Amino acid sequence: MGWQDAVAISVVFGAAVYLSSLGWKGLIGGRSSGCGSSCGKCSSGAEASGAGQPEQVVSIGLGRVGAGRQASALQDRDS
């Protein structure tokens, strides 16, 4: 067995250990005090409730498609 085989085997072994540790943490659950726990101790808890957020000024996206057609339909209906 050459040095390249030893390196390849150790890389595969390390990856297997890493993936098994991720799986173990996923099954057991680990600590749930991360940012997704909504504990309210950090700023993300306040942001999730909507407190202290500025008013939305600009929206990027399609917005209301066909708004011009709706306005003309309302004008036709009123006349």
PDB file of N, CA and C in Angstrom:
ATOM      1  N   MET A   1       0.852  -1.164   0.000  1.00  0.00           N
ATOM      2  CA  MET A   1       0.000   0.000   0.000  1.00  0.00           C
ATOM      3  C   MET A   1       0.904   1.235   0.000  1.00  0.00           C
ATOM      4  N   GLY A   2       0.662   2.125  -0.967  1.00  0.00           N
ATOM      5  CA  GLY A   2       1.473   3.332  -1.092  1.00  0.00           C
ATOM      6  C   GLY A   2       0.928   4.465  -0.252  1.00  0.00           C
ATOM      7  N   TRP A   3       1.610   5.583  -0.295  1.00  0.00           N
ATOM      8  CA  TRP A   3       1.200   6.730   0.510  1.00  0.00           C
ATOM      9  C   TRP A   3      -0.101   7.329  -0.010  1.00  0.00           C
ATOM     10  N   GLN A   4      -0.369   7.226  -1.315  1.00  0.00           N
ATOM     11  CA  GLN A   4      -1.611   7.758  -1.864  1.00  0.00           C
ATOM     12  C   GLN A   4      -2.823   6.974  -1.372  1.00  0.00           C
ATOM     13  N   ASP A   5      -2.647   5.667  -1.228  1.00  0.00           N
ATOM     14  CA  ASP A   5      -3.735   4.853  -0.685  1.00  0.00           C
ATOM     15  C   ASP A   5      -4.015   5.222   0.767  1.00  0.00           C
ATOM     16  N   ALA A   6      -2.966   5.454   1.539  1.00  0.00           N
ATOM     17  CA  ALA A   6      -3.142   5.820   2.941  1.00  0.00           C
ATOM     18  C   ALA A   6      -3.844   7.168   3.073  1.00  0.00           C
ATOM     19  N   VAL A   7      -3.493   8.118   2.220  1.00  0.00           N
ATOM     20  CA  VAL A   7      -4.143   9.433   2.256  1.00  0.00           C
ATOM     21  C   VAL A   7      -5.613   9.308   1.843  1.00  0.00           C
ATOM     22  N   ALA A   8      -5.880   8.534   0.795  1.00  0.00           N
ATOM     23  CA  ALA A   8      -7.256   8.359   0.336  1.00  0.00           C
ATOM     24  C   ALA A   8      -8.115   7.686   1.398  1.00  0.00           C
ATOM     25  N   ILE A   9      -7.586   6.669   2.051  1.00  0.00           N
ATOM     26  CA  ILE A   9      -8.328   5.971   3.098  1.00  0.00           C
ATOM     27  C   ILE A   9      -8.589   6.892   4.281  1.00  0.00           C
ATOM     28  N   SER A  10      -7.604   7.715   4.645  1.00  0.00           N
ATOM     29  CA  SER A  10      -7.803   8.621   5.774  1.00  0.00           C
ATOM     30  C   SER A  10      -8.814   9.714   5.435  1.00  0.00           C
ATOM     31  N   VAL A  11      -8.845  10.188   4.192  1.00  0.00           N
ATOM     32  CA  VAL A  11      -9.833  11.188   3.794  1.00  0.00           C
ATOM     33  C   VAL A  11     -11.234  10.591   3.833  1.00  0.00           C
ATOM     34  N   VAL A  12     -11.392   9.391   3.328  1.00  0.00           N
ATOM     35  CA  VAL A  12     -12.699   8.727   3.346  1.00  0.00           C
ATOM     36  C   VAL A  12     -13.128   8.450   4.784  1.00  0.00           C
ATOM     37  N   PHE A  13     -12.209   8.042   5.619  1.00  0.00           N
ATOM     38  CA  PHE A  13     -12.521   7.785   7.027  1.00  0.00           C
ATOM     39  C   PHE A  13     -12.931   9.084   7.734  1.00  0.00           C
ATOM     40  N   GLY A  14     -12.220  10.166   7.472  1.00  0.00           N
ATOM     41  CA  GLY A  14     -12.578  11.456   8.070  1.00  0.00           C
ATOM     42  C   GLY A  14     -13.946  11.934   7.627  1.00  0.00           C
ATOM     43  N   ALA A  15     -14.254  11.756   6.348  1.00  0.00           N
ATOM     44  CA  ALA A  15     -15.573  12.150   5.854  1.00  0.00           C
ATOM     45  C   ALA A  15     -16.671  11.310   6.492  1.00  0.00           C
ATOM     46  N   ALA A  16     -16.406  10.024   6.669  1.00  0.00           N
ATOM     47  CA  ALA A  16     -17.400   9.152   7.304  1.00  0.00           C
ATOM     48  C   ALA A  16     -17.640   9.558   8.755  1.00  0.00           C
ATOM     49  N   VAL A  17     -16.584   9.911   9.457  1.00  0.00           N
ATOM     50  CA  VAL A  17     -16.723  10.362  10.852  1.00  0.00           C
ATOM     51  C   VAL A  17     -17.515  11.660  10.904  1.00  0.00           C
ATOM     52  N   TYR A  18     -17.210  12.590  10.009  1.00  0.00           N
ATOM     53  CA  TYR A  18     -17.913  13.870   9.980  1.00  0.00           C
ATOM     54  C   TYR A  18     -19.399  13.677   9.694  1.00  0.00           C
ATOM     55  N   LEU A  19     -19.715  12.885   8.687  1.00  0.00           N
ATOM     56  CA  LEU A  19     -21.119  12.656   8.351  1.00  0.00           C
ATOM     57  C   LEU A  19     -21.869  11.913   9.443  1.00  0.00           C
ATOM     58  N   SER A  20     -21.209  10.977  10.089  1.00  0.00           N
ATOM     59  CA  SER A  20     -21.877  10.267  11.182  1.00  0.00           C
ATOM     60  C   SER A  20     -22.105  11.193  12.373  1.00  0.00           C
ATOM     61  N   SER A  21     -21.190  12.135  12.619  1.00  0.00           N
ATOM     62  CA  SER A  21     -21.419  13.081  13.712  1.00  0.00           C
ATOM     63  C   SER A  21     -22.581  14.010  13.391  1.00  0.00           C
ATOM     64  N   LEU A  22     -22.716  14.425  12.131  1.00  0.00           N
ATOM     65  CA  LEU A  22     -23.873  15.238  11.751  1.00  0.00           C
ATOM     66  C   LEU A  22     -25.169  14.455  11.925  1.00  0.00           C
ATOM     67  N   GLY A  23     -25.155  13.200  11.539  1.00  0.00           N
ATOM     68  CA  GLY A  23     -26.337  12.367  11.711  1.00  0.00           C
ATOM     69  C   GLY A  23     -26.686  12.160  13.170  1.00  0.00           C
ATOM     70  N   TRP A  24     -25.674  11.960  13.997  1.00  0.00           N
ATOM     71  CA  TRP A  24     -25.899  11.758  15.428  1.00  0.00           C
ATOM     72  C   TRP A  24     -26.492  13.010  16.060  1.00  0.00           C
ATOM     73  N   LYS A  25     -25.963  14.170  15.695  1.00  0.00           N
ATOM     74  CA  LYS A  25     -26.505  15.424  16.234  1.00  0.00           C
ATOM     75  C   LYS A  25     -27.936  15.647  15.749  1.00  0.00           C
ATOM     76  N   GLY A  26     -28.227  15.217  14.531  1.00  0.00           N
ATOM     77  CA  GLY A  26     -29.581  15.353  14.010  1.00  0.00           C
ATOM     78  C   GLY A  26     -30.561  14.442  14.721  1.00  0.00           C
ATOM     79  N   LEU A  27     -30.130  13.238  15.068  1.00  0.00           N
ATOM     80  CA  LEU A  27     -31.015  12.307  15.760  1.00  0.00           C
ATOM     81  C   LEU A  27     -31.213  12.687  17.215  1.00  0.00           C
ATOM     82  N   ILE A  28     -30.143  13.029  17.883  1.00  0.00           N
ATOM     83  CA  ILE A  28     -30.217  13.353  19.302  1.00  0.00           C
ATOM     84  C   ILE A  28     -30.811  14.745  19.508  1.00  0.00           C
ATOM     85  N   GLY A  29     -30.526  15.669  18.621  1.00  0.00           N
ATOM     86  CA  GLY A  29     -31.079  17.006  18.737  1.00  0.00           C
ATOM     87  C   GLY A  29     -30.058  18.014  19.198  1.00  0.00           C
ATOM     88  N   GLY A  30     -29.177  17.651  20.053  1.00  0.00           N
ATOM     89  CA  GLY A  30     -28.179  18.605  20.532  1.00  0.00           C
ATOM     90  C   GLY A  30     -28.820  19.751  21.274  1.00  0.00           C
ATOM     91  N   ARG A  31     -28.088  20.839  21.366  1.00  0.00           N
ATOM     92  CA  ARG A  31     -28.628  22.025  22.023  1.00  0.00           C
ATOM     93  C   ARG A  31     -29.553  22.752  21.073  1.00  0.00           C
ATOM     94  N   SER A  32     -30.661  23.226  21.560  1.00  0.00           N
ATOM     95  CA  SER A  32     -31.610  23.961  20.730  1.00  0.00           C
ATOM     96  C   SER A  32     -31.575  25.448  21.045  1.00  0.00           C
ATOM     97  N   SER A  33     -30.427  25.952  21.450  1.00  0.00           N
ATOM     98  CA  SER A  33     -30.337  27.364  21.792  1.00  0.00           C
ATOM     99  C   SER A  33     -29.707  28.166  20.679  1.00  0.00           C
ATOM    100  N   GLY A  34     -29.794  27.692  19.456  1.00  0.00           N
ATOM    101  CA  GLY A  34     -29.233  28.421  18.327  1.00  0.00           C
ATOM    102  C   GLY A  34     -30.148  29.539  17.889  1.00  0.00           C
ATOM    103  N   CYS A  35     -29.856  30.108  16.761  1.00  0.00           N
ATOM    104  CA  CYS A  35     -30.633  31.245  16.264  1.00  0.00           C
ATOM    105  C   CYS A  35     -32.057  30.854  15.891  1.00  0.00           C
ATOM    106  N   GLY A  36     -32.300  29.613  15.591  1.00  0.00           N
ATOM    107  CA  GLY A  36     -33.640  29.201  15.202  1.00  0.00           C
ATOM    108  C   GLY A  36     -34.543  28.823  16.349  1.00  0.00           C
ATOM    109  N   SER A  37     -34.093  28.986  17.586  1.00  0.00           N
ATOM    110  CA  SER A  37     -34.898  28.544  18.722  1.00  0.00           C
ATOM    111  C   SER A  37     -35.897  29.585  19.207  1.00  0.00           C
ATOM    112  N   SER A  38     -35.807  30.842  18.729  1.00  0.00           N
ATOM    113  CA  SER A  38     -36.720  31.926  19.107  1.00  0.00           C
ATOM    114  C   SER A  38     -36.791  32.123  20.611  1.00  0.00           C
ATOM    115  N   CYS A  39     -35.620  32.172  21.222  1.00  0.00           N
ATOM    116  CA  CYS A  39     -35.589  32.346  22.672  1.00  0.00           C
ATOM    117  C   CYS A  39     -35.802  33.797  23.069  1.00  0.00           C
ATOM    118  N   GLY A  40     -35.568  34.746  22.156  1.00  0.00           N
ATOM    119  CA  GLY A  40     -35.772  36.149  22.447  1.00  0.00           C
ATOM    120  C   GLY A  40     -34.583  36.829  23.094  1.00  0.00           C
ATOM    121  N   LYS A  41     -33.458  36.154  23.233  1.00  0.00           N
ATOM    122  CA  LYS A  41     -32.289  36.739  23.870  1.00  0.00           C
ATOM    123  C   LYS A  41     -31.446  37.574  22.922  1.00  0.00           C
ATOM    124  N   CYS A  42     -31.615  37.400  21.635  1.00  0.00           N
ATOM    125  CA  CYS A  42     -30.805  38.146  20.673  1.00  0.00           C
ATOM    126  C   CYS A  42     -31.723  38.973  19.779  1.00  0.00           C
ATOM    127  N   SER A  43     -31.141  39.700  18.862  1.00  0.00           N
ATOM    128  CA  SER A  43     -31.932  40.585  18.013  1.00  0.00           C
ATOM    129  C   SER A  43     -32.845  39.828  17.066  1.00  0.00           C
ATOM    130  N   SER A  44     -32.531  38.576  16.756  1.00  0.00           N
ATOM    131  CA  SER A  44     -33.386  37.831  15.827  1.00  0.00           C
ATOM    132  C   SER A  44     -34.748  37.548  16.446  1.00  0.00           C
ATOM    133  N   GLY A  45     -34.843  37.470  17.753  1.00  0.00           N
ATOM    134  CA  GLY A  45     -36.141  37.271  18.398  1.00  0.00           C
ATOM    135  C   GLY A  45     -37.027  38.486  18.229  1.00  0.00           C
ATOM    136  N   ALA A  46     -36.438  39.684  18.311  1.00  0.00           N
ATOM    137  CA  ALA A  46     -37.208  40.906  18.124  1.00  0.00           C
ATOM    138  C   ALA A  46     -37.602  41.078  16.670  1.00  0.00           C
ATOM    139  N   GLU A  47     -36.722  40.681  15.753  1.00  0.00           N
ATOM    140  CA  GLU A  47     -37.028  40.811  14.339  1.00  0.00           C
ATOM    141  C   GLU A  47     -38.138  39.862  13.930  1.00  0.00           C
ATOM    142  N   ALA A  48     -38.186  38.685  14.529  1.00  0.00           N
ATOM    143  CA  ALA A  48     -39.211  37.717  14.168  1.00  0.00           C
ATOM    144  C   ALA A  48     -40.594  38.203  14.576  1.00  0.00           C
ATOM    145  N   SER A  49     -40.679  38.962  15.673  1.00  0.00           N
ATOM    146  CA  SER A  49     -41.973  39.454  16.121  1.00  0.00           C
ATOM    147  C   SER A  49     -42.394  40.720  15.391  1.00  0.00           C
ATOM    148  N   GLY A  50     -41.489  41.344  14.632  1.00  0.00           N
ATOM    149  CA  GLY A  50     -41.819  42.537  13.877  1.00  0.00           C
ATOM    150  C   GLY A  50     -41.606  43.820  14.652  1.00  0.00           C
ATOM    151  N   ALA A  51     -41.118  43.772  15.862  1.00  0.00           N
ATOM    152  CA  ALA A  51     -40.913  44.952  16.666  1.00  0.00           C
ATOM    153  C   ALA A  51     -39.656  45.688  16.210  1.00  0.00           C
ATOM    154  N   GLY A  52     -39.782  46.970  16.006  1.00  0.00           N
ATOM    155  CA  GLY A  52     -38.631  47.791  15.695  1.00  0.00           C
ATOM    156  C   GLY A  52     -38.131  47.691  14.265  1.00  0.00           C
ATOM    157  N   GLN A  53     -38.924  47.156  13.370  1.00  0.00           N
ATOM    158  CA  GLN A  53     -38.492  47.068  11.977  1.00  0.00           C
ATOM    159  C   GLN A  53     -38.939  48.317  11.232  1.00  0.00           C
ATOM    160  N   PRO A  54     -38.097  48.824  10.338  1.00  0.00           N
ATOM    161  CA  PRO A  54     -38.495  50.001   9.566  1.00  0.00           C
ATOM    162  C   PRO A  54     -39.559  49.656   8.533  1.00  0.00           C
ATOM    163  N   GLU A  55     -40.254  50.679   8.086  1.00  0.00           N
ATOM    164  CA  GLU A  55     -41.284  50.485   7.078  1.00  0.00           C
ATOM    165  C   GLU A  55     -40.634  50.117   5.746  1.00  0.00           C
ATOM    166  N   GLN A  56     -41.234  49.212   5.004  1.00  0.00           N
ATOM    167  CA  GLN A  56     -40.701  48.797   3.710  1.00  0.00           C
ATOM    168  C   GLN A  56     -40.955  49.904   2.695  1.00  0.00           C
ATOM    169  N   VAL A  57     -39.869  50.372   2.081  1.00  0.00           N
ATOM    170  CA  VAL A  57     -39.974  51.466   1.135  1.00  0.00           C
ATOM    171  C   VAL A  57     -39.940  50.955  -0.302  1.00  0.00           C
ATOM    172  N   VAL A  58     -39.054  50.008  -0.579  1.00  0.00           N
ATOM    173  CA  VAL A  58     -38.870  49.514  -1.934  1.00  0.00           C
ATOM    174  C   VAL A  58     -39.083  48.010  -1.933  1.00  0.00           C
ATOM    175  N   SER A  59     -39.775  47.519  -2.940  1.00  0.00           N
ATOM    176  CA  SER A  59     -39.983  46.096  -3.101  1.00  0.00           C
ATOM    177  C   SER A  59     -39.410  45.678  -4.444  1.00  0.00           C
ATOM    178  N   ILE A  60     -38.578  44.660  -4.440  1.00  0.00           N
ATOM    179  CA  ILE A  60     -37.978  44.170  -5.667  1.00  0.00           C
ATOM    180  C   ILE A  60     -38.725  42.917  -6.080  1.00  0.00           C
ATOM    181  N   GLY A  61     -39.254  42.917  -7.243  1.00  0.00           N
ATOM    182  CA  GLY A  61     -39.988  41.755  -7.728  1.00  0.00           C
ATOM    183  C   GLY A  61     -40.996  42.171  -8.784  1.00  0.00           C
ATOM    184  N   LEU A  62     -41.897  41.259  -9.101  1.00  0.00           N
ATOM    185  CA  LEU A  62     -42.882  41.534 -10.129  1.00  0.00           C
ATOM    186  C   LEU A  62     -43.957  42.492  -9.654  1.00  0.00           C
ATOM    187  N   GLY A  63     -44.248  42.463  -8.375  1.00  0.00           N
ATOM    188  CA  GLY A  63     -45.284  43.334  -7.838  1.00  0.00           C
ATOM    189  C   GLY A  63     -46.655  42.898  -8.311  1.00  0.00           C
ATOM    190  N   ARG A  64     -47.497  43.857  -8.580  1.00  0.00           N
ATOM    191  CA  ARG A  64     -48.853  43.556  -9.046  1.00  0.00           C
ATOM    192  C   ARG A  64     -48.847  43.481 -10.557  1.00  0.00           C
ATOM    193  N   VAL A  65     -49.038  42.318 -11.075  1.00  0.00           N
ATOM    194  CA  VAL A  65     -49.083  42.125 -12.521  1.00  0.00           C
ATOM    195  C   VAL A  65     -50.478  42.468 -13.012  1.00  0.00           C
ATOM    196  N   GLY A  66     -50.564  43.274 -14.024  1.00  0.00           N
ATOM    197  CA  GLY A  66     -51.854  43.622 -14.602  1.00  0.00           C
ATOM    198  C   GLY A  66     -52.560  44.748 -13.882  1.00  0.00           C
ATOM    199  N   ALA A  67     -51.852  45.565 -13.127  1.00  0.00           N
ATOM    200  CA  ALA A  67     -52.486  46.663 -12.397  1.00  0.00           C
ATOM    201  C   ALA A  67     -53.101  47.660 -13.369  1.00  0.00           C
ATOM    202  N   GLY A  68     -52.470  47.878 -14.527  1.00  0.00           N
ATOM    203  CA  GLY A  68     -53.020  48.792 -15.522  1.00  0.00           C
ATOM    204  C   GLY A  68     -54.338  48.290 -16.077  1.00  0.00           C
ATOM    205  N   ARG A  69     -54.435  46.992 -16.302  1.00  0.00           N
ATOM    206  CA  ARG A  69     -55.678  46.426 -16.805  1.00  0.00           C
ATOM    207  C   ARG A  69     -56.790  46.544 -15.771  1.00  0.00           C
ATOM    208  N   GLN A  70     -56.446  46.404 -14.502  1.00  0.00           N
ATOM    209  CA  GLN A  70     -57.456  46.523 -13.453  1.00  0.00           C
ATOM    210  C   GLN A  70     -57.988  47.943 -13.383  1.00  0.00           C
ATOM    211  N   ALA A  71     -57.087  48.921 -13.502  1.00  0.00           N
ATOM    212  CA  ALA A  71     -57.517  50.311 -13.439  1.00  0.00           C
ATOM    213  C   ALA A  71     -58.419  50.649 -14.619  1.00  0.00           C
ATOM    214  N   SER A  72     -58.072  50.172 -15.814  1.00  0.00           N
ATOM    215  CA  SER A  72     -58.908  50.472 -16.978  1.00  0.00           C
ATOM    216  C   SER A  72     -60.254  49.750 -16.868  1.00  0.00           C
ATOM    217  N   ALA A  73     -60.273  48.588 -16.290  1.00  0.00           N
ATOM    218  CA  ALA A  73     -61.532  47.863 -16.104  1.00  0.00           C
ATOM    219  C   ALA A  73     -62.435  48.601 -15.125  1.00  0.00           C
ATOM    220  N   LEU A  74     -61.853  49.195 -14.083  1.00  0.00           N
ATOM    221  CA  LEU A  74     -62.643  49.951 -13.130  1.00  0.00           C
ATOM    222  C   LEU A  74     -63.209  51.216 -13.785  1.00  0.00           C
ATOM    223  N   GLN A  75     -62.416  51.864 -14.634  1.00  0.00           N
ATOM    224  CA  GLN A  75     -62.892  53.072 -15.324  1.00  0.00           C
ATOM    225  C   GLN A  75     -64.027  52.717 -16.285  1.00  0.00           C
ATOM    226  N   ASP A  76     -63.894  51.593 -16.992  1.00  0.00           N
ATOM    227  CA  ASP A  76     -64.954  51.166 -17.905  1.00  0.00           C
ATOM    228  C   ASP A  76     -66.233  50.832 -17.145  1.00  0.00           C
ATOM    229  N   ARG A  77     -66.097  50.260 -15.975  1.00  0.00           N
ATOM    230  CA  ARG A  77     -67.249  49.873 -15.173  1.00  0.00           C
ATOM    231  C   ARG A  77     -67.974  51.116 -14.643  1.00  0.00           C
ATOM    232  N   ASP A  78     -67.194  52.137 -14.250  1.00  0.00           N
ATOM    233  CA  ASP A  78     -67.795  53.348 -13.693  1.00  0.00           C
ATOM    234  C   ASP A  78     -68.471  54.216 -14.753  1.00  0.00           C
ATOM    235  N   SER A  79     -68.052  54.081 -16.005  1.00  0.00           N
ATOM    236  CA  SER A  79     -68.654  54.958 -17.027  1.00  0.00           C
ATOM    237  C   SER A  79     -69.873  54.370 -17.675  1.00  0.00           C
TER     238      SER A  79
END
